[in-house]
């Protein structure tokens, strides 16, 4: 059977991007915060999607929209020491208030972030010794958090003093120098 040379090829349905689907859902539901229920709904809606990719999409969207992310949605941020400290302290609050399943989820977030920092430090090792040292210090902070979460706030305060960093968790040491 020959194909009709004049018939157009079948149209492929264009799939909407994960980002567009996410934004459309958020606009429809208008949450005041993206917390665990919204996270679970988005995971189902956008499946298959990795936690890391969804977290990146939500972080980018939250910057633009101003709608806050819950600590378990935001995860561990590593843009600076101040941001890392702040996110680890927020997760500590979730850890201390949570049941066993929440504690495991929080620990997994910190472990995944630590592994990502290790991967980043290996990539940076050949190119940038300063970045390597920074990631090494961040890994130490996460390992300390994992070893004994309730001790972390006092440990990080003392660590900042020992390293000559500001004690204000919202001010990055780099900003202190400027």
N, C-alpha and C. Protein backbone atom coordinates (compact mmCIF):
# COMPACT_ATOMS: atom_id res chain seq x y z
N UNK A 1 0.83 -1.17 0.00
CA UNK A 1 0.00 0.00 0.00
C UNK A 1 0.88 1.24 0.00
N UNK A 2 0.64 2.14 -0.94
CA UNK A 2 1.45 3.35 -1.05
C UNK A 2 0.85 4.49 -0.26
N UNK A 3 1.72 5.31 0.31
CA UNK A 3 1.26 6.49 1.03
C UNK A 3 0.89 7.56 0.02
N UNK A 4 -0.12 8.28 0.30
CA UNK A 4 -0.55 9.37 -0.57
C UNK A 4 0.47 10.50 -0.46
N UNK A 5 1.14 10.85 -1.55
CA UNK A 5 2.17 11.89 -1.46
C UNK A 5 1.61 13.26 -1.12
N UNK A 6 0.31 13.47 -1.28
CA UNK A 6 -0.25 14.78 -1.01
C UNK A 6 -0.79 14.92 0.42
N UNK A 7 -0.90 13.82 1.15
CA UNK A 7 -1.41 13.95 2.52
C UNK A 7 -0.29 14.41 3.45
N UNK A 8 -0.58 15.35 4.33
CA UNK A 8 0.46 15.88 5.23
C UNK A 8 0.86 14.82 6.25
N UNK A 9 2.08 14.90 6.71
CA UNK A 9 2.51 13.95 7.74
C UNK A 9 1.69 14.17 9.01
N UNK A 10 1.50 13.10 9.79
CA UNK A 10 0.72 13.26 11.02
C UNK A 10 1.40 14.26 11.95
N UNK A 11 0.59 15.11 12.58
CA UNK A 11 1.14 16.12 13.50
C UNK A 11 1.51 15.46 14.81
N UNK A 12 2.66 15.82 15.30
CA UNK A 12 3.07 15.36 16.61
C UNK A 12 2.51 16.33 17.63
N UNK A 13 1.94 15.78 18.65
CA UNK A 13 1.43 16.67 19.69
C UNK A 13 2.61 17.20 20.49
N UNK A 14 2.64 18.51 20.61
CA UNK A 14 3.72 19.15 21.35
C UNK A 14 3.41 19.05 22.84
N UNK A 15 4.34 18.50 23.59
CA UNK A 15 4.15 18.38 25.02
C UNK A 15 4.56 19.67 25.71
N UNK A 16 3.78 20.03 26.67
CA UNK A 16 4.09 21.22 27.45
C UNK A 16 5.29 20.91 28.34
N UNK A 17 6.18 21.89 28.51
CA UNK A 17 7.36 21.65 29.34
C UNK A 17 6.96 21.48 30.80
N UNK A 18 7.82 20.83 31.55
CA UNK A 18 7.58 20.61 32.98
C UNK A 18 7.43 21.97 33.69
N UNK A 19 8.27 22.92 33.30
CA UNK A 19 8.21 24.24 33.92
C UNK A 19 6.86 24.91 33.65
N UNK A 20 6.40 24.86 32.42
CA UNK A 20 5.11 25.48 32.08
C UNK A 20 3.95 24.78 32.80
N UNK A 21 4.03 23.45 32.89
CA UNK A 21 2.98 22.70 33.61
C UNK A 21 2.98 23.10 35.09
N UNK A 22 4.17 23.23 35.66
CA UNK A 22 4.29 23.60 37.06
C UNK A 22 3.70 24.98 37.30
N UNK A 23 4.08 25.95 36.47
CA UNK A 23 3.60 27.31 36.63
C UNK A 23 2.08 27.37 36.45
N UNK A 24 1.56 26.66 35.47
CA UNK A 24 0.11 26.65 35.24
C UNK A 24 -0.62 26.09 36.47
N UNK A 25 -0.09 25.03 37.06
CA UNK A 25 -0.71 24.44 38.25
C UNK A 25 -0.67 25.42 39.42
N UNK A 26 0.47 26.08 39.60
CA UNK A 26 0.61 27.04 40.70
C UNK A 26 -0.36 28.22 40.49
N UNK A 27 -0.48 28.69 39.28
CA UNK A 27 -1.41 29.79 39.00
C UNK A 27 -2.85 29.38 39.26
N UNK A 28 -3.19 28.14 38.93
CA UNK A 28 -4.56 27.64 39.17
C UNK A 28 -4.86 27.51 40.66
N UNK A 29 -3.90 27.00 41.42
CA UNK A 29 -4.15 26.70 42.83
C UNK A 29 -3.80 27.87 43.75
N UNK A 30 -2.94 28.78 43.31
CA UNK A 30 -2.56 30.00 44.06
C UNK A 30 -2.19 29.73 45.51
N UNK A 31 -1.21 28.85 45.77
CA UNK A 31 -0.83 28.60 47.17
C UNK A 31 -0.08 29.80 47.76
N UNK A 32 -0.22 29.99 49.05
CA UNK A 32 0.52 31.06 49.74
C UNK A 32 1.97 30.65 49.99
N UNK A 33 2.18 29.36 50.05
CA UNK A 33 3.52 28.79 50.24
C UNK A 33 3.52 27.45 49.53
N UNK A 34 4.69 27.05 49.03
CA UNK A 34 4.81 25.71 48.46
C UNK A 34 5.38 24.83 49.56
N UNK A 35 4.49 24.04 50.13
CA UNK A 35 4.88 23.13 51.21
C UNK A 35 4.81 21.69 50.73
N UNK A 36 4.78 20.79 51.67
CA UNK A 36 4.78 19.37 51.33
C UNK A 36 3.57 18.91 50.52
N UNK A 37 2.34 19.38 50.83
CA UNK A 37 1.20 18.95 50.00
C UNK A 37 1.34 19.39 48.54
N UNK A 38 1.81 20.62 48.33
CA UNK A 38 1.99 21.12 46.96
C UNK A 38 3.12 20.36 46.27
N UNK A 39 4.18 20.06 47.01
CA UNK A 39 5.31 19.29 46.49
C UNK A 39 4.82 17.93 45.98
N UNK A 40 4.05 17.24 46.80
CA UNK A 40 3.53 15.92 46.43
C UNK A 40 2.61 16.01 45.21
N UNK A 41 1.76 17.03 45.16
CA UNK A 41 0.87 17.20 44.02
C UNK A 41 1.67 17.46 42.74
N UNK A 42 2.71 18.27 42.85
CA UNK A 42 3.55 18.56 41.67
C UNK A 42 4.33 17.33 41.22
N UNK A 43 4.80 16.54 42.15
CA UNK A 43 5.49 15.29 41.78
C UNK A 43 4.57 14.38 40.98
N UNK A 44 3.32 14.28 41.42
CA UNK A 44 2.35 13.44 40.69
C UNK A 44 2.03 14.04 39.33
N UNK A 45 1.78 15.34 39.29
CA UNK A 45 1.41 16.00 38.05
C UNK A 45 2.52 15.92 36.99
N UNK A 46 3.76 16.10 37.42
CA UNK A 46 4.88 16.21 36.49
C UNK A 46 5.63 14.89 36.27
N UNK A 47 5.16 13.82 36.87
CA UNK A 47 5.84 12.53 36.76
C UNK A 47 6.02 12.15 35.29
N UNK A 48 7.16 11.62 34.96
CA UNK A 48 8.34 11.42 35.80
C UNK A 48 9.18 12.70 35.87
N UNK A 49 9.59 13.04 37.09
CA UNK A 49 10.46 14.19 37.32
C UNK A 49 11.30 13.89 38.56
N UNK A 50 12.55 14.26 38.53
CA UNK A 50 13.41 14.02 39.69
C UNK A 50 13.15 15.08 40.75
N UNK A 51 13.41 14.72 42.00
CA UNK A 51 13.27 15.68 43.09
C UNK A 51 14.17 16.89 42.86
N UNK A 52 15.39 16.63 42.42
CA UNK A 52 16.35 17.72 42.21
C UNK A 52 15.89 18.71 41.15
N UNK A 53 15.36 18.20 40.04
CA UNK A 53 14.91 19.08 38.97
C UNK A 53 13.69 19.89 39.41
N UNK A 54 12.74 19.24 40.07
CA UNK A 54 11.58 19.96 40.57
C UNK A 54 12.00 21.02 41.58
N UNK A 55 12.93 20.68 42.45
CA UNK A 55 13.41 21.65 43.45
C UNK A 55 14.04 22.86 42.76
N UNK A 56 14.85 22.63 41.71
CA UNK A 56 15.46 23.75 40.97
C UNK A 56 14.40 24.62 40.32
N UNK A 57 13.39 23.98 39.68
CA UNK A 57 12.31 24.75 39.06
C UNK A 57 11.58 25.60 40.09
N UNK A 58 11.29 25.00 41.24
CA UNK A 58 10.57 25.73 42.28
C UNK A 58 11.40 26.86 42.88
N UNK A 59 12.68 26.63 43.07
CA UNK A 59 13.55 27.69 43.60
C UNK A 59 13.58 28.88 42.63
N UNK A 60 13.75 28.59 41.34
CA UNK A 60 13.76 29.67 40.35
C UNK A 60 12.43 30.42 40.35
N UNK A 61 11.34 29.67 40.38
CA UNK A 61 10.01 30.29 40.38
C UNK A 61 9.81 31.12 41.64
N UNK A 62 10.24 30.62 42.79
CA UNK A 62 10.05 31.33 44.05
C UNK A 62 10.81 32.66 44.05
N UNK A 63 11.99 32.69 43.44
CA UNK A 63 12.74 33.94 43.34
C UNK A 63 11.94 34.99 42.59
N UNK A 64 11.32 34.57 41.51
CA UNK A 64 10.57 35.50 40.66
C UNK A 64 9.23 35.89 41.30
N UNK A 65 8.56 34.96 41.94
CA UNK A 65 7.21 35.19 42.43
C UNK A 65 7.15 35.75 43.84
N UNK A 66 8.18 35.46 44.64
CA UNK A 66 8.16 35.88 46.04
C UNK A 66 7.37 34.95 46.95
N UNK A 67 6.79 33.89 46.39
CA UNK A 67 6.06 32.92 47.20
C UNK A 67 7.09 32.01 47.88
N UNK A 68 7.03 31.89 49.20
CA UNK A 68 8.05 31.11 49.90
C UNK A 68 7.90 29.60 49.69
N UNK A 69 9.03 28.94 49.83
CA UNK A 69 9.08 27.48 49.79
C UNK A 69 9.24 26.98 51.22
N UNK A 70 8.56 25.90 51.55
CA UNK A 70 8.75 25.28 52.84
C UNK A 70 10.16 24.68 52.91
N UNK A 71 10.70 24.52 54.11
CA UNK A 71 12.06 24.00 54.25
C UNK A 71 12.30 22.66 53.56
N UNK A 72 11.32 21.75 53.63
CA UNK A 72 11.51 20.45 53.00
C UNK A 72 11.41 20.52 51.48
N UNK A 73 10.81 21.56 50.96
CA UNK A 73 10.74 21.77 49.52
C UNK A 73 12.00 22.48 49.06
N UNK A 74 12.41 23.50 49.78
CA UNK A 74 13.60 24.27 49.40
C UNK A 74 14.86 23.43 49.51
N UNK A 75 14.95 22.59 50.52
CA UNK A 75 16.13 21.75 50.70
C UNK A 75 17.32 22.53 51.22
N UNK A 76 18.51 22.02 50.96
CA UNK A 76 19.75 22.64 51.43
C UNK A 76 20.28 23.53 50.31
N UNK A 77 20.42 24.81 50.60
CA UNK A 77 20.94 25.77 49.63
C UNK A 77 22.42 25.98 49.92
N UNK A 78 23.22 26.08 48.86
CA UNK A 78 24.66 26.18 49.04
C UNK A 78 25.29 27.35 48.28
N UNK A 79 24.51 28.40 48.02
CA UNK A 79 25.07 29.52 47.27
C UNK A 79 26.14 30.27 48.06
N UNK A 80 26.01 30.27 49.38
CA UNK A 80 26.97 30.94 50.25
C UNK A 80 26.89 30.29 51.62
N UNK A 81 27.84 30.64 52.50
CA UNK A 81 27.80 30.09 53.85
C UNK A 81 26.58 30.57 54.62
N UNK A 82 26.20 31.82 54.45
CA UNK A 82 25.02 32.34 55.13
C UNK A 82 23.76 31.62 54.70
N UNK A 83 23.62 31.37 53.41
CA UNK A 83 22.45 30.67 52.89
C UNK A 83 22.46 29.21 53.34
N UNK A 84 23.63 28.60 53.32
CA UNK A 84 23.75 27.22 53.79
C UNK A 84 23.34 27.12 55.26
N UNK A 85 23.87 28.00 56.08
CA UNK A 85 23.53 27.98 57.50
C UNK A 85 22.03 28.18 57.72
N UNK A 86 21.47 29.14 57.03
CA UNK A 86 20.04 29.42 57.17
C UNK A 86 19.20 28.21 56.78
N UNK A 87 19.53 27.56 55.67
CA UNK A 87 18.73 26.41 55.24
C UNK A 87 18.91 25.22 56.19
N UNK A 88 20.12 25.02 56.70
CA UNK A 88 20.33 23.93 57.66
C UNK A 88 19.59 24.19 58.97
N UNK A 89 19.52 25.45 59.39
CA UNK A 89 18.78 25.77 60.61
C UNK A 89 17.27 25.58 60.41
N UNK A 90 16.76 25.95 59.25
CA UNK A 90 15.34 25.73 58.96
C UNK A 90 15.03 24.23 58.95
N UNK A 91 15.92 23.45 58.36
CA UNK A 91 15.72 22.00 58.33
C UNK A 91 15.83 21.40 59.73
N UNK A 92 16.68 22.00 60.57
CA UNK A 92 16.78 21.53 61.95
C UNK A 92 15.43 21.68 62.65
N UNK A 93 14.75 22.80 62.41
CA UNK A 93 13.44 23.00 62.99
C UNK A 93 12.47 21.91 62.56
N UNK A 94 12.48 21.56 61.28
CA UNK A 94 11.63 20.48 60.77
C UNK A 94 12.02 19.14 61.40
N UNK A 95 13.32 18.93 61.52
CA UNK A 95 13.85 17.68 62.08
C UNK A 95 13.40 17.52 63.54
N UNK A 96 13.54 18.59 64.31
CA UNK A 96 13.20 18.51 65.74
C UNK A 96 11.70 18.38 65.98
N UNK A 97 10.89 18.96 65.10
CA UNK A 97 9.43 18.91 65.26
C UNK A 97 8.81 17.67 64.62
N UNK A 98 9.55 17.02 63.74
CA UNK A 98 8.97 15.96 62.93
C UNK A 98 8.97 14.59 63.56
N UNK A 99 8.11 13.77 62.99
CA UNK A 99 8.06 12.35 63.35
C UNK A 99 9.23 11.64 62.67
N UNK A 100 9.33 10.35 62.89
CA UNK A 100 10.46 9.58 62.35
C UNK A 100 10.57 9.70 60.84
N UNK A 101 9.45 9.65 60.12
CA UNK A 101 9.50 9.74 58.65
C UNK A 101 10.02 11.10 58.20
N UNK A 102 9.62 12.16 58.89
CA UNK A 102 10.11 13.51 58.55
C UNK A 102 11.60 13.61 58.84
N UNK A 103 12.02 13.06 59.95
CA UNK A 103 13.46 13.10 60.29
C UNK A 103 14.29 12.39 59.22
N UNK A 104 13.80 11.25 58.76
CA UNK A 104 14.51 10.53 57.70
C UNK A 104 14.56 11.35 56.41
N UNK A 105 13.45 12.00 56.09
CA UNK A 105 13.40 12.82 54.88
C UNK A 105 14.38 14.00 54.97
N UNK A 106 14.43 14.64 56.14
CA UNK A 106 15.35 15.76 56.34
C UNK A 106 16.79 15.27 56.21
N UNK A 107 17.10 14.16 56.85
CA UNK A 107 18.47 13.62 56.76
C UNK A 107 18.83 13.31 55.31
N UNK A 108 17.89 12.75 54.56
CA UNK A 108 18.16 12.44 53.16
C UNK A 108 18.46 13.71 52.36
N UNK A 109 17.72 14.77 52.63
CA UNK A 109 17.99 16.04 51.95
C UNK A 109 19.41 16.52 52.22
N UNK A 110 19.83 16.44 53.48
CA UNK A 110 21.17 16.91 53.84
C UNK A 110 22.23 15.98 53.25
N UNK A 111 21.99 14.69 53.28
CA UNK A 111 22.95 13.74 52.68
C UNK A 111 23.08 13.97 51.18
N UNK A 112 21.96 14.15 50.50
CA UNK A 112 22.00 14.42 49.06
C UNK A 112 22.76 15.71 48.76
N UNK A 113 22.54 16.75 49.57
CA UNK A 113 23.24 18.03 49.38
C UNK A 113 24.74 17.86 49.61
N UNK A 114 25.08 17.07 50.61
CA UNK A 114 26.51 16.81 50.90
C UNK A 114 27.16 16.09 49.72
N UNK A 115 26.47 15.10 49.19
CA UNK A 115 27.01 14.37 48.03
C UNK A 115 27.14 15.28 46.81
N UNK A 116 26.17 16.17 46.63
CA UNK A 116 26.27 17.13 45.52
C UNK A 116 27.48 18.05 45.72
N UNK A 117 27.70 18.49 46.95
CA UNK A 117 28.86 19.35 47.24
C UNK A 117 30.16 18.58 46.98
N UNK A 118 30.20 17.30 47.32
CA UNK A 118 31.40 16.49 47.04
C UNK A 118 31.63 16.39 45.53
N UNK A 119 30.57 16.16 44.80
CA UNK A 119 30.68 16.07 43.34
C UNK A 119 31.18 17.40 42.77
N UNK A 120 30.61 18.50 43.25
CA UNK A 120 31.03 19.83 42.79
C UNK A 120 32.49 20.09 43.14
N UNK A 121 32.90 19.69 44.32
CA UNK A 121 34.29 19.94 44.73
C UNK A 121 35.27 19.14 43.88
N UNK A 122 34.89 17.94 43.48
CA UNK A 122 35.76 17.14 42.60
C UNK A 122 35.90 17.80 41.24
N UNK A 123 34.80 18.36 40.75
CA UNK A 123 34.84 19.06 39.46
C UNK A 123 35.66 20.34 39.55
N UNK A 124 35.58 21.01 40.71
CA UNK A 124 36.28 22.29 40.87
C UNK A 124 37.75 22.12 41.23
N UNK A 125 38.13 20.94 41.68
CA UNK A 125 39.48 20.72 42.20
C UNK A 125 40.57 21.13 41.22
N UNK A 126 40.42 20.79 39.97
CA UNK A 126 41.46 21.08 38.99
C UNK A 126 41.46 22.55 38.57
N UNK A 127 40.34 23.23 38.72
CA UNK A 127 40.24 24.59 38.19
C UNK A 127 40.36 25.69 39.22
N UNK A 128 39.90 25.44 40.45
CA UNK A 128 39.75 26.55 41.37
C UNK A 128 39.95 26.07 42.81
N UNK A 129 41.12 26.34 43.36
CA UNK A 129 41.41 25.88 44.72
C UNK A 129 40.54 26.56 45.76
N UNK A 130 40.18 27.82 45.52
CA UNK A 130 39.32 28.54 46.46
C UNK A 130 37.94 27.89 46.53
N UNK A 131 37.39 27.53 45.37
CA UNK A 131 36.08 26.87 45.31
C UNK A 131 36.16 25.50 45.99
N UNK A 132 37.27 24.80 45.78
CA UNK A 132 37.48 23.50 46.41
C UNK A 132 37.47 23.64 47.94
N UNK A 133 38.17 24.63 48.45
CA UNK A 133 38.20 24.86 49.89
C UNK A 133 36.82 25.24 50.43
N UNK A 134 36.11 26.08 49.68
CA UNK A 134 34.77 26.49 50.09
C UNK A 134 33.83 25.29 50.17
N UNK A 135 33.84 24.45 49.15
CA UNK A 135 32.97 23.28 49.15
C UNK A 135 33.39 22.31 50.25
N UNK A 136 34.69 22.20 50.50
CA UNK A 136 35.16 21.34 51.59
C UNK A 136 34.62 21.80 52.94
N UNK A 137 34.61 23.11 53.15
CA UNK A 137 34.06 23.66 54.40
C UNK A 137 32.55 23.42 54.47
N UNK A 138 31.86 23.59 53.36
CA UNK A 138 30.41 23.35 53.35
C UNK A 138 30.10 21.88 53.65
N UNK A 139 30.91 21.00 53.11
CA UNK A 139 30.73 19.57 53.39
C UNK A 139 30.91 19.31 54.88
N UNK A 140 31.90 19.95 55.50
CA UNK A 140 32.11 19.81 56.94
C UNK A 140 30.87 20.27 57.71
N UNK A 141 30.29 21.37 57.29
CA UNK A 141 29.08 21.87 57.97
C UNK A 141 27.96 20.84 57.88
N UNK A 142 27.78 20.26 56.71
CA UNK A 142 26.69 19.28 56.55
C UNK A 142 26.98 18.00 57.31
N UNK A 143 28.25 17.57 57.31
CA UNK A 143 28.60 16.38 58.09
C UNK A 143 28.36 16.61 59.58
N UNK A 144 28.69 17.80 60.05
CA UNK A 144 28.46 18.13 61.45
C UNK A 144 26.97 18.12 61.76
N UNK A 145 26.17 18.70 60.87
CA UNK A 145 24.71 18.69 61.04
C UNK A 145 24.22 17.24 61.11
N UNK A 146 24.70 16.39 60.21
CA UNK A 146 24.25 15.00 60.17
C UNK A 146 24.67 14.22 61.41
N UNK A 147 25.85 14.53 61.92
CA UNK A 147 26.36 13.81 63.09
C UNK A 147 25.51 14.08 64.32
N UNK A 148 25.12 15.34 64.53
CA UNK A 148 24.34 15.69 65.71
C UNK A 148 23.59 16.99 65.43
N UNK A 149 22.42 16.89 64.80
CA UNK A 149 21.69 18.09 64.38
C UNK A 149 21.47 19.14 65.49
N UNK A 150 21.06 18.75 66.71
CA UNK A 150 20.81 19.79 67.72
C UNK A 150 22.06 20.59 68.12
N UNK A 151 23.23 20.04 67.92
CA UNK A 151 24.47 20.73 68.27
C UNK A 151 24.89 21.73 67.19
N UNK A 152 24.35 21.57 65.99
CA UNK A 152 24.80 22.38 64.86
C UNK A 152 24.76 23.90 65.10
N UNK A 153 23.69 24.47 65.64
CA UNK A 153 23.68 25.94 65.79
C UNK A 153 24.86 26.48 66.60
N UNK A 154 25.17 25.83 67.71
CA UNK A 154 26.31 26.29 68.52
C UNK A 154 27.63 26.00 67.82
N UNK A 155 27.74 24.85 67.18
CA UNK A 155 28.96 24.50 66.46
C UNK A 155 29.25 25.52 65.36
N UNK A 156 28.23 25.87 64.58
CA UNK A 156 28.45 26.79 63.46
C UNK A 156 28.80 28.18 63.98
N UNK A 157 28.22 28.58 65.11
CA UNK A 157 28.58 29.88 65.70
C UNK A 157 30.06 29.90 66.07
N UNK A 158 30.51 28.82 66.72
CA UNK A 158 31.92 28.73 67.11
C UNK A 158 32.83 28.59 65.89
N UNK A 159 32.39 27.86 64.90
CA UNK A 159 33.18 27.67 63.68
C UNK A 159 33.38 29.00 62.96
N UNK A 160 32.34 29.80 62.87
CA UNK A 160 32.46 31.11 62.23
C UNK A 160 33.46 31.99 62.98
N UNK A 161 33.41 31.95 64.32
CA UNK A 161 34.36 32.73 65.12
C UNK A 161 35.78 32.24 64.85
N UNK A 162 35.96 30.93 64.86
CA UNK A 162 37.29 30.36 64.65
C UNK A 162 37.85 30.72 63.28
N UNK A 163 36.98 30.81 62.29
CA UNK A 163 37.43 31.14 60.93
C UNK A 163 37.43 32.64 60.66
N UNK A 164 36.94 33.42 61.64
CA UNK A 164 36.90 34.87 61.46
C UNK A 164 35.72 35.34 60.64
N UNK A 165 34.69 34.50 60.50
CA UNK A 165 33.48 34.88 59.76
C UNK A 165 32.52 35.59 60.69
N UNK A 166 31.65 36.38 60.11
CA UNK A 166 30.61 37.04 60.90
C UNK A 166 29.71 35.98 61.53
N UNK A 167 29.16 36.31 62.67
CA UNK A 167 28.27 35.36 63.34
C UNK A 167 26.84 35.48 62.87
N UNK A 168 26.49 36.51 62.10
CA UNK A 168 25.14 36.68 61.59
C UNK A 168 24.89 35.67 60.48
N UNK A 169 23.92 34.74 60.65
CA UNK A 169 23.71 33.69 59.65
C UNK A 169 23.22 34.23 58.31
N UNK A 170 22.68 35.42 58.28
CA UNK A 170 22.14 35.94 57.03
C UNK A 170 23.18 36.75 56.25
N UNK A 171 24.33 37.00 56.83
CA UNK A 171 25.36 37.76 56.14
C UNK A 171 26.49 36.82 55.78
N UNK A 172 26.79 36.74 54.52
CA UNK A 172 27.85 35.89 54.05
C UNK A 172 29.20 36.54 54.38
N UNK A 173 30.23 35.74 54.70
CA UNK A 173 31.55 36.29 55.00
C UNK A 173 32.10 37.16 53.86
N UNK A 174 31.77 36.85 52.63
CA UNK A 174 32.23 37.67 51.50
C UNK A 174 31.66 39.07 51.57
N UNK A 175 30.40 39.19 52.02
CA UNK A 175 29.77 40.49 52.11
C UNK A 175 30.41 41.33 53.20
N UNK A 176 30.95 40.70 54.23
CA UNK A 176 31.60 41.40 55.33
C UNK A 176 32.82 42.18 54.82
N UNK A 177 33.52 41.60 53.85
CA UNK A 177 34.74 42.23 53.35
C UNK A 177 34.47 43.42 52.46
N UNK A 178 33.30 43.47 51.84
CA UNK A 178 32.99 44.55 50.88
C UNK A 178 32.53 45.81 51.55
